[in-house]
């Protein structure tokens, strides 16, 4: 990994404490034994598995680069005319076109009406996005209701989800000027998959708030408080872009700037975002 073991242990311990987690609580979230975590924090394990460290980073709601100390130095942030220095993007309905076509394909494969497929999906969606249910458990439960024993949601999701036109360029433009992060209600592991396949811009985000990793969901106040703390700026210096007005209003109550994203007309939303992020004179 090329990282001093003692420094890694210190960073891990600091990140765990900042997240308000005991060693036992982090072990439970990351699927680790207590002895393994304790040894890593002490620097007693010379070459901890990269997969182990990735699991820990995910459980802490941080990136692998930040945890092992290879993150890029923080860039000098601009300030927009409205005072924005940090921008959070939602994923579904913002960076990618939403996945409702998946329900039609599943309906055809299981020979059930589309409304029953969608109802079954939403029955479990909040649990899996909160991290209270694993993807294996989600697939098994939904597959049972749909009479599809080998059901895999990611298969249908990735077949039908498309990158929103113009958003890769917008995110890159924002990242050159401001702090940038993801703030998303999403299933375990999906952020990394979307970045790997190029549906979500695979840049070095300053912060990633993955609901399944932090066990919080928008529009709960706690997830915005966590995101605000991670951004490292004042609430009025954050801009949040989302396709849900409910999510936006929850952020606005904390003093954030918010903008609604219309994925049916992304070019209009992108133009509005660029205009709002023009630097102060």
C-alpha atoms as a PDB file:
ATOM      1  CA  UNK A   1       0.000   0.000   0.000  1.00  0.00           C
ATOM      2  CA  UNK A   2       3.060   2.213   0.364  1.00  0.00           C
ATOM      3  CA  UNK A   3       1.751   3.845   3.561  1.00  0.00           C
ATOM      4  CA  UNK A   4       3.437   3.934   6.950  1.00  0.00           C
ATOM      5  CA  UNK A   5       1.465   1.532   9.146  1.00  0.00           C
ATOM      6  CA  UNK A   6       1.567   3.771  12.221  1.00  0.00           C
ATOM      7  CA  UNK A   7       0.354   6.779  10.225  1.00  0.00           C
ATOM      8  CA  UNK A   8      -2.444   4.693   8.734  1.00  0.00           C
ATOM      9  CA  UNK A   9      -3.457   3.547  12.219  1.00  0.00           C
ATOM     10  CA  UNK A  10      -3.515   7.123  13.476  1.00  0.00           C
ATOM     11  CA  UNK A  11      -5.592   8.315  10.514  1.00  0.00           C
ATOM     12  CA  UNK A  12      -7.989   5.414  10.949  1.00  0.00           C
ATOM     13  CA  UNK A  13      -8.393   6.111  14.654  1.00  0.00           C
ATOM     14  CA  UNK A  14      -8.950   9.825  14.038  1.00  0.00           C
ATOM     15  CA  UNK A  15     -11.527   9.133  11.315  1.00  0.00           C
ATOM     16  CA  UNK A  16     -13.338   6.621  13.547  1.00  0.00           C
ATOM     17  CA  UNK A  17     -13.474   9.044  16.452  1.00  0.00           C
ATOM     18  CA  UNK A  18     -14.633  11.877  14.182  1.00  0.00           C
ATOM     19  CA  UNK A  19     -17.477   9.611  13.048  1.00  0.00           C
ATOM     20  CA  UNK A  20     -18.401   9.002  16.698  1.00  0.00           C
ATOM     21  CA  UNK A  21     -17.783   5.253  16.494  1.00  0.00           C
ATOM     22  CA  UNK A  22     -16.236   2.885  19.009  1.00  0.00           C
ATOM     23  CA  UNK A  23     -13.939   0.172  17.736  1.00  0.00           C
ATOM     24  CA  UNK A  24     -16.730  -2.355  18.300  1.00  0.00           C
ATOM     25  CA  UNK A  25     -19.230  -0.266  16.332  1.00  0.00           C
ATOM     26  CA  UNK A  26     -16.832   0.167  13.412  1.00  0.00           C
ATOM     27  CA  UNK A  27     -16.063  -3.576  13.416  1.00  0.00           C
ATOM     28  CA  UNK A  28     -19.762  -4.308  13.099  1.00  0.00           C
ATOM     29  CA  UNK A  29     -20.256  -1.829  10.234  1.00  0.00           C
ATOM     30  CA  UNK A  30     -17.143  -2.915   8.326  1.00  0.00           C
ATOM     31  CA  UNK A  31     -17.472  -6.673   8.977  1.00  0.00           C
ATOM     32  CA  UNK A  32     -14.133  -6.898  10.791  1.00  0.00           C
ATOM     33  CA  UNK A  33     -12.960  -8.726  13.885  1.00  0.00           C
ATOM     34  CA  UNK A  34     -12.102  -6.532  16.853  1.00  0.00           C
ATOM     35  CA  UNK A  35      -8.546  -7.854  16.988  1.00  0.00           C
ATOM     36  CA  UNK A  36      -7.902  -6.962  13.324  1.00  0.00           C
ATOM     37  CA  UNK A  37      -9.105  -3.384  13.734  1.00  0.00           C
ATOM     38  CA  UNK A  38      -7.186  -2.930  16.983  1.00  0.00           C
ATOM     39  CA  UNK A  39      -3.972  -4.171  15.362  1.00  0.00           C
ATOM     40  CA  UNK A  40      -4.384  -1.862  12.355  1.00  0.00           C
ATOM     41  CA  UNK A  41      -4.928   1.148  14.638  1.00  0.00           C
ATOM     42  CA  UNK A  42      -1.791   0.202  16.617  1.00  0.00           C
ATOM     43  CA  UNK A  43       0.204  -0.217  13.410  1.00  0.00           C
ATOM     44  CA  UNK A  44       0.842  -3.870  14.283  1.00  0.00           C
ATOM     45  CA  UNK A  45      -0.282  -5.180  10.876  1.00  0.00           C
ATOM     46  CA  UNK A  46       2.414  -4.277   8.363  1.00  0.00           C
ATOM     47  CA  UNK A  47       0.426  -4.868   5.175  1.00  0.00           C
ATOM     48  CA  UNK A  48      -3.323  -4.708   5.832  1.00  0.00           C
ATOM     49  CA  UNK A  49      -5.411  -5.872   2.886  1.00  0.00           C
ATOM     50  CA  UNK A  50      -6.491  -3.089   0.544  1.00  0.00           C
ATOM     51  CA  UNK A  51      -9.969  -4.661   0.607  1.00  0.00           C
ATOM     52  CA  UNK A  52     -10.050  -4.433   4.402  1.00  0.00           C
ATOM     53  CA  UNK A  53      -9.065  -0.754   4.304  1.00  0.00           C
ATOM     54  CA  UNK A  54     -11.667  -0.083   1.595  1.00  0.00           C
ATOM     55  CA  UNK A  55     -14.368  -1.676   3.774  1.00  0.00           C
ATOM     56  CA  UNK A  56     -13.309   0.503   6.680  1.00  0.00           C
ATOM     57  CA  UNK A  57     -13.329   3.639   4.505  1.00  0.00           C
ATOM     58  CA  UNK A  58     -16.821   2.812   3.227  1.00  0.00           C
ATOM     59  CA  UNK A  59     -18.097   2.210   6.763  1.00  0.00           C
ATOM     60  CA  UNK A  60     -16.668   5.600   7.817  1.00  0.00           C
ATOM     61  CA  UNK A  61     -18.179   7.383   4.821  1.00  0.00           C
ATOM     62  CA  UNK A  62     -14.772   8.469   3.536  1.00  0.00           C
ATOM     63  CA  UNK A  63     -12.585   7.573   0.575  1.00  0.00           C
ATOM     64  CA  UNK A  64      -9.746   5.075   0.413  1.00  0.00           C
ATOM     65  CA  UNK A  65      -7.373   7.855  -0.672  1.00  0.00           C
ATOM     66  CA  UNK A  66      -8.230   9.978   2.359  1.00  0.00           C
ATOM     67  CA  UNK A  67      -7.795   7.075   4.750  1.00  0.00           C
ATOM     68  CA  UNK A  68      -4.413   5.946   3.436  1.00  0.00           C
ATOM     69  CA  UNK A  69      -3.171   9.504   2.981  1.00  0.00           C
ATOM     70  CA  UNK A  70      -2.900   9.681  -0.804  1.00  0.00           C
ATOM     71  CA  UNK A  71      -5.629  12.238  -1.378  1.00  0.00           C
ATOM     72  CA  UNK A  72      -4.639  15.245  -3.438  1.00  0.00           C
ATOM     73  CA  UNK A  73      -3.855  18.431  -1.527  1.00  0.00           C
ATOM     74  CA  UNK A  74      -6.945  20.579  -1.045  1.00  0.00           C
ATOM     75  CA  UNK A  75      -7.300  23.002  -3.927  1.00  0.00           C
ATOM     76  CA  UNK A  76      -7.777  26.711  -3.496  1.00  0.00           C
ATOM     77  CA  UNK A  77     -11.534  27.147  -3.655  1.00  0.00           C
ATOM     78  CA  UNK A  78     -13.263  29.953  -5.449  1.00  0.00           C
ATOM     79  CA  UNK A  79     -16.307  31.703  -4.044  1.00  0.00           C
ATOM     80  CA  UNK A  80     -19.364  32.238  -6.199  1.00  0.00           C
ATOM     81  CA  UNK A  81     -21.344  35.460  -6.199  1.00  0.00           C
ATOM     82  CA  UNK A  82     -23.827  33.835  -3.803  1.00  0.00           C
ATOM     83  CA  UNK A  83     -20.996  32.683  -1.514  1.00  0.00           C
ATOM     84  CA  UNK A  84     -20.804  29.014  -2.554  1.00  0.00           C
ATOM     85  CA  UNK A  85     -17.494  27.212  -1.985  1.00  0.00           C
ATOM     86  CA  UNK A  86     -18.666  23.582  -1.954  1.00  0.00           C
ATOM     87  CA  UNK A  87     -21.123  21.757  -4.234  1.00  0.00           C
ATOM     88  CA  UNK A  88     -22.918  18.470  -3.476  1.00  0.00           C
ATOM     89  CA  UNK A  89     -24.506  16.464  -6.310  1.00  0.00           C
ATOM     90  CA  UNK A  90     -27.191  13.807  -6.003  1.00  0.00           C
ATOM     91  CA  UNK A  91     -26.728  10.733  -8.226  1.00  0.00           C
ATOM     92  CA  UNK A  92     -30.057   9.188  -9.290  1.00  0.00           C
ATOM     93  CA  UNK A  93     -32.109  11.749 -11.186  1.00  0.00           C
ATOM     94  CA  UNK A  94     -29.146  14.117 -11.390  1.00  0.00           C
ATOM     95  CA  UNK A  95     -25.851  12.563 -12.518  1.00  0.00           C
ATOM     96  CA  UNK A  96     -27.663   9.590 -14.046  1.00  0.00           C
ATOM     97  CA  UNK A  97     -31.071   9.203 -15.633  1.00  0.00           C
ATOM     98  CA  UNK A  98     -33.339   7.377 -13.237  1.00  0.00           C
ATOM     99  CA  UNK A  99     -33.951   3.684 -13.573  1.00  0.00           C
ATOM    100  CA  UNK A 100     -37.734   3.296 -13.980  1.00  0.00           C
ATOM    101  CA  UNK A 101     -37.272   1.441 -17.272  1.00  0.00           C
ATOM    102  CA  UNK A 102     -35.788  -1.353 -15.183  1.00  0.00           C
ATOM    103  CA  UNK A 103     -39.247  -2.095 -13.799  1.00  0.00           C
ATOM    104  CA  UNK A 104     -40.592  -2.660 -17.326  1.00  0.00           C
ATOM    105  CA  UNK A 105     -37.820  -5.160 -18.129  1.00  0.00           C
ATOM    106  CA  UNK A 106     -38.256  -6.997 -14.844  1.00  0.00           C
ATOM    107  CA  UNK A 107     -42.007  -7.114 -15.442  1.00  0.00           C
ATOM    108  CA  UNK A 108     -41.441  -8.787 -18.807  1.00  0.00           C
ATOM    109  CA  UNK A 109     -38.990 -11.310 -17.325  1.00  0.00           C
ATOM    110  CA  UNK A 110     -41.139 -12.309 -14.345  1.00  0.00           C
ATOM    111  CA  UNK A 111     -44.509 -11.974 -16.134  1.00  0.00           C
ATOM    112  CA  UNK A 112     -45.978  -9.709 -13.479  1.00  0.00           C
ATOM    113  CA  UNK A 113     -47.612  -6.296 -13.950  1.00  0.00           C
ATOM    114  CA  UNK A 114     -45.150  -3.404 -13.746  1.00  0.00           C
ATOM    115  CA  UNK A 115     -47.012  -1.774 -10.869  1.00  0.00           C
ATOM    116  CA  UNK A 116     -46.573  -4.901  -8.735  1.00  0.00           C
ATOM    117  CA  UNK A 117     -42.859  -4.985  -9.565  1.00  0.00           C
ATOM    118  CA  UNK A 118     -42.429  -1.353  -8.582  1.00  0.00           C
ATOM    119  CA  UNK A 119     -44.432  -1.783  -5.367  1.00  0.00           C
ATOM    120  CA  UNK A 120     -42.276  -4.747  -4.364  1.00  0.00           C
ATOM    121  CA  UNK A 121     -39.117  -2.746  -5.091  1.00  0.00           C
ATOM    122  CA  UNK A 122     -40.116   0.251  -2.979  1.00  0.00           C
ATOM    123  CA  UNK A 123     -41.053  -2.077  -0.125  1.00  0.00           C
ATOM    124  CA  UNK A 124     -37.333  -2.781   0.415  1.00  0.00           C
ATOM    125  CA  UNK A 125     -35.587   0.231  -1.134  1.00  0.00           C
ATOM    126  CA  UNK A 126     -35.288   2.365   1.994  1.00  0.00           C
ATOM    127  CA  UNK A 127     -33.886  -0.531   4.020  1.00  0.00           C
ATOM    128  CA  UNK A 128     -31.138  -1.346   1.538  1.00  0.00           C
ATOM    129  CA  UNK A 129     -30.243   2.309   0.915  1.00  0.00           C
ATOM    130  CA  UNK A 130     -29.930   2.823   4.675  1.00  0.00           C
ATOM    131  CA  UNK A 131     -27.540  -0.125   4.855  1.00  0.00           C
ATOM    132  CA  UNK A 132     -29.961  -2.057   7.067  1.00  0.00           C
ATOM    133  CA  UNK A 133     -30.133  -4.752   4.375  1.00  0.00           C
ATOM    134  CA  UNK A 134     -27.280  -6.116   2.237  1.00  0.00           C
ATOM    135  CA  UNK A 135     -27.557  -6.393  -1.523  1.00  0.00           C
ATOM    136  CA  UNK A 136     -27.658 -10.171  -1.163  1.00  0.00           C
ATOM    137  CA  UNK A 137     -30.604  -9.858   1.227  1.00  0.00           C
ATOM    138  CA  UNK A 138     -32.316  -7.310  -1.013  1.00  0.00           C
ATOM    139  CA  UNK A 139     -31.966  -9.464  -4.123  1.00  0.00           C
ATOM    140  CA  UNK A 140     -33.209 -12.535  -2.261  1.00  0.00           C
ATOM    141  CA  UNK A 141     -36.223 -10.756  -0.763  1.00  0.00           C
ATOM    142  CA  UNK A 142     -37.258  -9.013  -3.985  1.00  0.00           C
ATOM    143  CA  UNK A 143     -36.567 -12.112  -6.067  1.00  0.00           C
ATOM    144  CA  UNK A 144     -38.818 -14.152  -3.786  1.00  0.00           C
ATOM    145  CA  UNK A 145     -41.700 -11.705  -4.213  1.00  0.00           C
ATOM    146  CA  UNK A 146     -41.176 -11.682  -7.976  1.00  0.00           C
ATOM    147  CA  UNK A 147     -40.687 -15.486  -8.216  1.00  0.00           C
ATOM    148  CA  UNK A 148     -37.186 -14.936  -9.640  1.00  0.00           C
ATOM    149  CA  UNK A 149     -34.754 -16.992  -7.517  1.00  0.00           C
ATOM    150  CA  UNK A 150     -31.589 -15.683  -9.248  1.00  0.00           C
ATOM    151  CA  UNK A 151     -32.658 -12.021  -9.287  1.00  0.00           C
ATOM    152  CA  UNK A 152     -29.883  -9.365  -9.455  1.00  0.00           C
ATOM    153  CA  UNK A 153     -31.024  -5.741  -9.232  1.00  0.00           C
ATOM    154  CA  UNK A 154     -27.703  -4.285 -10.430  1.00  0.00           C
ATOM    155  CA  UNK A 155     -28.100  -6.194 -13.715  1.00  0.00           C
ATOM    156  CA  UNK A 156     -31.363  -4.421 -14.530  1.00  0.00           C
ATOM    157  CA  UNK A 157     -30.239  -1.092 -13.095  1.00  0.00           C
ATOM    158  CA  UNK A 158     -27.055  -0.909 -15.156  1.00  0.00           C
ATOM    159  CA  UNK A 159     -28.835  -2.053 -18.329  1.00  0.00           C
ATOM    160  CA  UNK A 160     -31.316   0.821 -18.153  1.00  0.00           C
ATOM    161  CA  UNK A 161     -29.464   3.672 -16.415  1.00  0.00           C
ATOM    162  CA  UNK A 162     -27.755   6.307 -18.566  1.00  0.00           C
ATOM    163  CA  UNK A 163     -25.417   9.150 -17.715  1.00  0.00           C
ATOM    164  CA  UNK A 164     -27.256  12.464 -17.806  1.00  0.00           C
ATOM    165  CA  UNK A 165     -25.993  14.394 -20.862  1.00  0.00           C
ATOM    166  CA  UNK A 166     -23.625  17.207 -19.976  1.00  0.00           C
ATOM    167  CA  UNK A 167     -23.139  16.256 -16.323  1.00  0.00           C
ATOM    168  CA  UNK A 168     -19.633  14.803 -16.679  1.00  0.00           C
ATOM    169  CA  UNK A 169     -18.480  18.113 -18.103  1.00  0.00           C
ATOM    170  CA  UNK A 170     -20.316  20.105 -15.437  1.00  0.00           C
ATOM    171  CA  UNK A 171     -18.880  18.106 -12.533  1.00  0.00           C
ATOM    172  CA  UNK A 172     -15.352  18.467 -13.946  1.00  0.00           C
ATOM    173  CA  UNK A 173     -15.893  22.227 -14.345  1.00  0.00           C
ATOM    174  CA  UNK A 174     -17.156  22.527 -10.767  1.00  0.00           C
ATOM    175  CA  UNK A 175     -14.284  20.398  -9.388  1.00  0.00           C
ATOM    176  CA  UNK A 176     -11.716  22.784 -10.892  1.00  0.00           C
ATOM    177  CA  UNK A 177     -13.198  25.701  -8.970  1.00  0.00           C
ATOM    178  CA  UNK A 178     -14.996  24.476  -5.857  1.00  0.00           C
ATOM    179  CA  UNK A 179     -15.067  21.662  -3.349  1.00  0.00           C
ATOM    180  CA  UNK A 180     -17.231  18.892  -4.767  1.00  0.00           C
ATOM    181  CA  UNK A 181     -19.004  15.909  -3.270  1.00  0.00           C
ATOM    182  CA  UNK A 182     -21.714  13.305  -3.715  1.00  0.00           C
ATOM    183  CA  UNK A 183     -24.697  13.203  -1.356  1.00  0.00           C
ATOM    184  CA  UNK A 184     -26.890  10.300  -2.323  1.00  0.00           C
ATOM    185  CA  UNK A 185     -29.460   7.788  -1.161  1.00  0.00           C
ATOM    186  CA  UNK A 186     -28.036   4.677  -2.776  1.00  0.00           C
ATOM    187  CA  UNK A 187     -27.534   0.925  -2.429  1.00  0.00           C
ATOM    188  CA  UNK A 188     -24.352  -0.615  -0.994  1.00  0.00           C
ATOM    189  CA  UNK A 189     -21.450  -0.658  -3.442  1.00  0.00           C
ATOM    190  CA  UNK A 190     -23.289   1.168  -6.212  1.00  0.00           C
ATOM    191  CA  UNK A 191     -21.307   4.416  -6.021  1.00  0.00           C
ATOM    192  CA  UNK A 192     -18.090   2.546  -6.822  1.00  0.00           C
ATOM    193  CA  UNK A 193     -19.775   0.534  -9.599  1.00  0.00           C
ATOM    194  CA  UNK A 194     -21.159   3.670 -11.249  1.00  0.00           C
ATOM    195  CA  UNK A 195     -17.762   5.342 -11.117  1.00  0.00           C
ATOM    196  CA  UNK A 196     -16.007   2.252 -12.472  1.00  0.00           C
ATOM    197  CA  UNK A 197     -18.323   1.945 -15.498  1.00  0.00           C
ATOM    198  CA  UNK A 198     -18.219   5.681 -16.209  1.00  0.00           C
ATOM    199  CA  UNK A 199     -21.859   6.518 -15.512  1.00  0.00           C
ATOM    200  CA  UNK A 200     -20.793   8.835 -12.675  1.00  0.00           C
ATOM    201  CA  UNK A 201     -17.712  11.049 -13.194  1.00  0.00           C
ATOM    202  CA  UNK A 202     -14.754   9.182 -11.685  1.00  0.00           C
ATOM    203  CA  UNK A 203     -12.976  12.223 -10.295  1.00  0.00           C
ATOM    204  CA  UNK A 204     -11.377  12.726  -6.885  1.00  0.00           C
ATOM    205  CA  UNK A 205     -14.387  13.884  -4.843  1.00  0.00           C
ATOM    206  CA  UNK A 206     -13.643  15.826  -1.692  1.00  0.00           C
ATOM    207  CA  UNK A 207     -16.495  14.062   0.127  1.00  0.00           C
ATOM    208  CA  UNK A 208     -18.783  11.129  -0.651  1.00  0.00           C
ATOM    209  CA  UNK A 209     -21.846  10.741   1.578  1.00  0.00           C
ATOM    210  CA  UNK A 210     -23.242   7.303   0.711  1.00  0.00           C
ATOM    211  CA  UNK A 211     -26.477   6.622   2.611  1.00  0.00           C
ATOM    212  CA  UNK A 212     -25.799   2.885   2.833  1.00  0.00           C
ATOM    213  CA  UNK A 213     -22.394   3.560   4.446  1.00  0.00           C
ATOM    214  CA  UNK A 214     -23.495   6.223   6.941  1.00  0.00           C
ATOM    215  CA  UNK A 215     -26.866   4.559   7.705  1.00  0.00           C
ATOM    216  CA  UNK A 216     -28.784   7.782   7.149  1.00  0.00           C
ATOM    217  CA  UNK A 217     -31.203   8.834   4.423  1.00  0.00           C
ATOM    218  CA  UNK A 218     -32.162  12.138   2.860  1.00  0.00           C
ATOM    219  CA  UNK A 219     -34.213  14.070   3.932  1.00  0.00           C
ATOM    220  CA  UNK A 220     -33.168  13.232   7.523  1.00  0.00           C
ATOM    221  CA  UNK A 221     -31.485  16.183   9.227  1.00  0.00           C
ATOM    222  CA  UNK A 222     -28.550  14.077  10.451  1.00  0.00           C
ATOM    223  CA  UNK A 223     -27.294  13.251   6.958  1.00  0.00           C
ATOM    224  CA  UNK A 224     -27.067  16.952   6.060  1.00  0.00           C
ATOM    225  CA  UNK A 225     -25.321  17.713   9.337  1.00  0.00           C
ATOM    226  CA  UNK A 226     -22.763  15.018   8.555  1.00  0.00           C
ATOM    227  CA  UNK A 227     -22.324  16.279   4.990  1.00  0.00           C
ATOM    228  CA  UNK A 228     -21.917  19.836   6.231  1.00  0.00           C
ATOM    229  CA  UNK A 229     -19.239  18.827   8.717  1.00  0.00           C
ATOM    230  CA  UNK A 230     -17.360  16.836   6.048  1.00  0.00           C
ATOM    231  CA  UNK A 231     -17.466  19.750   3.591  1.00  0.00           C
ATOM    232  CA  UNK A 232     -15.536  21.893   6.057  1.00  0.00           C
ATOM    233  CA  UNK A 233     -17.327  25.128   5.165  1.00  0.00           C
ATOM    234  CA  UNK A 234     -20.214  27.122   6.614  1.00  0.00           C
ATOM    235  CA  UNK A 235     -23.779  26.009   5.711  1.00  0.00           C
ATOM    236  CA  UNK A 236     -24.370  29.118   3.572  1.00  0.00           C
ATOM    237  CA  UNK A 237     -21.262  28.191   1.533  1.00  0.00           C
ATOM    238  CA  UNK A 238     -22.748  24.858   0.340  1.00  0.00           C
ATOM    239  CA  UNK A 239     -24.812  24.381  -2.825  1.00  0.00           C
ATOM    240  CA  UNK A 240     -26.849  21.167  -3.052  1.00  0.00           C
ATOM    241  CA  UNK A 241     -28.196  19.917  -6.401  1.00  0.00           C
ATOM    242  CA  UNK A 242     -30.937  17.272  -6.297  1.00  0.00           C
ATOM    243  CA  UNK A 243     -34.036  16.238  -8.227  1.00  0.00           C
ATOM    244  CA  UNK A 244     -36.180  15.928  -5.070  1.00  0.00           C
ATOM    245  CA  UNK A 245     -37.734  19.098  -3.700  1.00  0.00           C
ATOM    246  CA  UNK A 246     -38.259  17.362  -0.346  1.00  0.00           C
ATOM    247  CA  UNK A 247     -34.528  16.689  -0.075  1.00  0.00           C
ATOM    248  CA  UNK A 248     -33.711  20.229  -1.129  1.00  0.00           C
ATOM    249  CA  UNK A 249     -36.022  21.854   1.407  1.00  0.00           C
ATOM    250  CA  UNK A 250     -34.462  19.796   4.216  1.00  0.00           C
ATOM    251  CA  UNK A 251     -31.035  21.141   3.229  1.00  0.00           C
ATOM    252  CA  UNK A 252     -32.349  24.683   2.859  1.00  0.00           C
ATOM    253  CA  UNK A 253     -33.586  24.595   6.467  1.00  0.00           C
ATOM    254  CA  UNK A 254     -29.942  24.223   7.543  1.00  0.00           C
ATOM    255  CA  UNK A 255     -28.938  27.288   5.560  1.00  0.00           C
ATOM    256  CA  UNK A 256     -27.622  25.591   2.408  1.00  0.00           C
ATOM    257  CA  UNK A 257     -28.137  26.973  -1.078  1.00  0.00           C
ATOM    258  CA  UNK A 258     -30.187  24.516  -3.146  1.00  0.00           C
ATOM    259  CA  UNK A 259     -31.072  24.006  -6.804  1.00  0.00           C
ATOM    260  CA  UNK A 260     -33.622  21.627  -8.284  1.00  0.00           C
ATOM    261  CA  UNK A 261     -32.337  19.473 -11.151  1.00  0.00           C
ATOM    262  CA  UNK A 262     -34.698  18.574 -13.988  1.00  0.00           C
ATOM    263  CA  UNK A 263     -33.272  15.474 -15.687  1.00  0.00           C
ATOM    264  CA  UNK A 264     -35.920  15.744 -18.416  1.00  0.00           C
ATOM    265  CA  UNK A 265     -34.287  19.048 -19.469  1.00  0.00           C
ATOM    266  CA  UNK A 266     -30.707  18.743 -18.197  1.00  0.00           C
ATOM    267  CA  UNK A 267     -29.341  21.453 -20.475  1.00  0.00           C
ATOM    268  CA  UNK A 268     -31.574  24.032 -18.778  1.00  0.00           C
ATOM    269  CA  UNK A 269     -30.539  22.919 -15.288  1.00  0.00           C
ATOM    270  CA  UNK A 270     -26.844  22.828 -16.243  1.00  0.00           C
ATOM    271  CA  UNK A 271     -27.004  26.374 -17.591  1.00  0.00           C
ATOM    272  CA  UNK A 272     -28.661  27.563 -14.362  1.00  0.00           C
ATOM    273  CA  UNK A 273     -26.017  25.823 -12.237  1.00  0.00           C
ATOM    274  CA  UNK A 274     -23.140  27.325 -14.216  1.00  0.00           C
ATOM    275  CA  UNK A 275     -24.698  30.761 -13.929  1.00  0.00           C
ATOM    276  CA  UNK A 276     -25.156  30.415 -10.163  1.00  0.00           C
ATOM    277  CA  UNK A 277     -21.520  29.348  -9.770  1.00  0.00           C
ATOM    278  CA  UNK A 278     -19.935  32.232 -11.596  1.00  0.00           C
ATOM    279  CA  UNK A 279     -17.139  33.535  -9.351  1.00  0.00           C
ATOM    280  CA  UNK A 280     -17.517  36.650  -7.294  1.00  0.00           C
ATOM    281  CA  UNK A 281     -15.964  39.759  -8.811  1.00  0.00           C
END
